[in-house]
Amino acid sequence: MKKSVLLMMLVLALTGACNSDKGKELFDTAQFEEKQNNREHAKQLYQEIVNKYPDSPVAKQAQERLAVLPK
């Protein structure tokens, strides 16, 4: 599973995504973590989006995901 995360991070780095897309990158990674049943890490990523990128298009989606994930 860690190899998958590292591979995904490498792909994102190689695509040259700019800082304005960082919230989207984090959201995509959080969704990937959810699919891998790593909900704790997904919640951390969603919270990071809300904290660092509150005005980003994905901040609302991140808040919605935080609301439905078990505590």
Protein backbone atom coordinates (compact mmCIF):
# COMPACT_ATOMS: atom_id res chain seq x y z
CA MET A 1 0.00 0.00 0.00
CA LYS A 2 2.84 2.42 0.77
CA LYS A 3 4.26 1.76 -2.68
CA SER A 4 0.94 2.81 -4.20
CA VAL A 5 0.94 6.06 -2.24
CA LEU A 6 4.53 6.79 -3.21
CA LEU A 7 3.79 6.03 -6.84
CA MET A 8 0.79 8.34 -6.82
CA MET A 9 2.82 11.13 -5.22
CA LEU A 10 5.55 10.66 -7.81
CA VAL A 11 3.05 10.87 -10.65
CA LEU A 12 1.59 14.05 -9.20
CA ALA A 13 5.05 15.57 -8.84
CA LEU A 14 5.99 14.68 -12.39
CA THR A 15 2.86 16.22 -13.85
CA GLY A 16 4.10 19.61 -12.68
CA ALA A 17 0.92 20.64 -10.91
CA CYS A 18 1.11 24.22 -9.69
CA ASN A 19 0.44 25.42 -6.14
CA SER A 20 -3.06 26.59 -7.00
CA ASP A 21 -3.96 22.93 -7.57
CA LYS A 22 -2.52 21.75 -4.27
CA GLY A 23 -5.95 21.51 -2.65
CA LYS A 24 -7.16 19.34 -5.51
CA GLU A 25 -4.06 17.15 -5.26
CA LEU A 26 -4.65 16.66 -1.55
CA PHE A 27 -8.31 15.87 -2.17
CA ASP A 28 -7.43 13.27 -4.79
CA THR A 29 -4.90 11.71 -2.42
CA ALA A 30 -7.44 11.70 0.42
CA GLN A 31 -9.94 9.92 -1.82
CA PHE A 32 -7.28 7.38 -2.74
CA GLU A 33 -6.55 6.84 0.96
CA GLU A 34 -10.25 6.28 1.62
CA LYS A 35 -10.37 3.64 -1.12
CA GLN A 36 -7.38 1.96 0.51
CA ASN A 37 -9.30 1.94 3.85
CA ASN A 38 -6.79 4.33 5.38
CA ARG A 39 -9.46 6.61 6.79
CA GLU A 40 -7.28 8.26 9.42
CA HIS A 41 -4.86 9.55 6.82
CA ALA A 42 -7.75 10.59 4.58
CA LYS A 43 -9.24 12.61 7.43
CA GLN A 44 -5.88 14.30 8.05
CA LEU A 45 -5.65 15.26 4.40
CA TYR A 46 -9.22 16.56 4.28
CA GLN A 47 -8.57 18.62 7.39
CA GLU A 48 -5.39 20.01 5.84
CA ILE A 49 -7.41 21.15 2.82
CA VAL A 50 -9.93 22.90 5.05
CA ASN A 51 -7.18 24.59 7.07
CA LYS A 52 -4.76 25.58 4.30
CA TYR A 53 -7.08 26.10 1.33
CA PRO A 54 -10.46 27.20 2.78
CA ASP A 55 -11.36 29.13 -0.38
CA SER A 56 -10.46 26.34 -2.78
CA PRO A 57 -13.20 24.62 -4.77
CA VAL A 58 -12.57 21.34 -2.93
CA ALA A 59 -12.71 22.74 0.63
CA LYS A 60 -16.47 22.26 0.81
CA GLN A 61 -16.14 18.70 -0.48
CA ALA A 62 -13.43 18.02 2.10
CA GLN A 63 -15.72 19.26 4.88
CA GLU A 64 -18.50 17.02 3.60
CA ARG A 65 -16.18 14.00 3.63
CA LEU A 66 -15.03 14.83 7.16
CA ALA A 67 -18.65 14.93 8.28
CA VAL A 68 -19.41 11.42 7.03
CA LEU A 69 -16.20 9.62 7.98
CA PRO A 70 -16.35 7.82 11.33
CA LYS A 71 -14.61 9.53 14.21
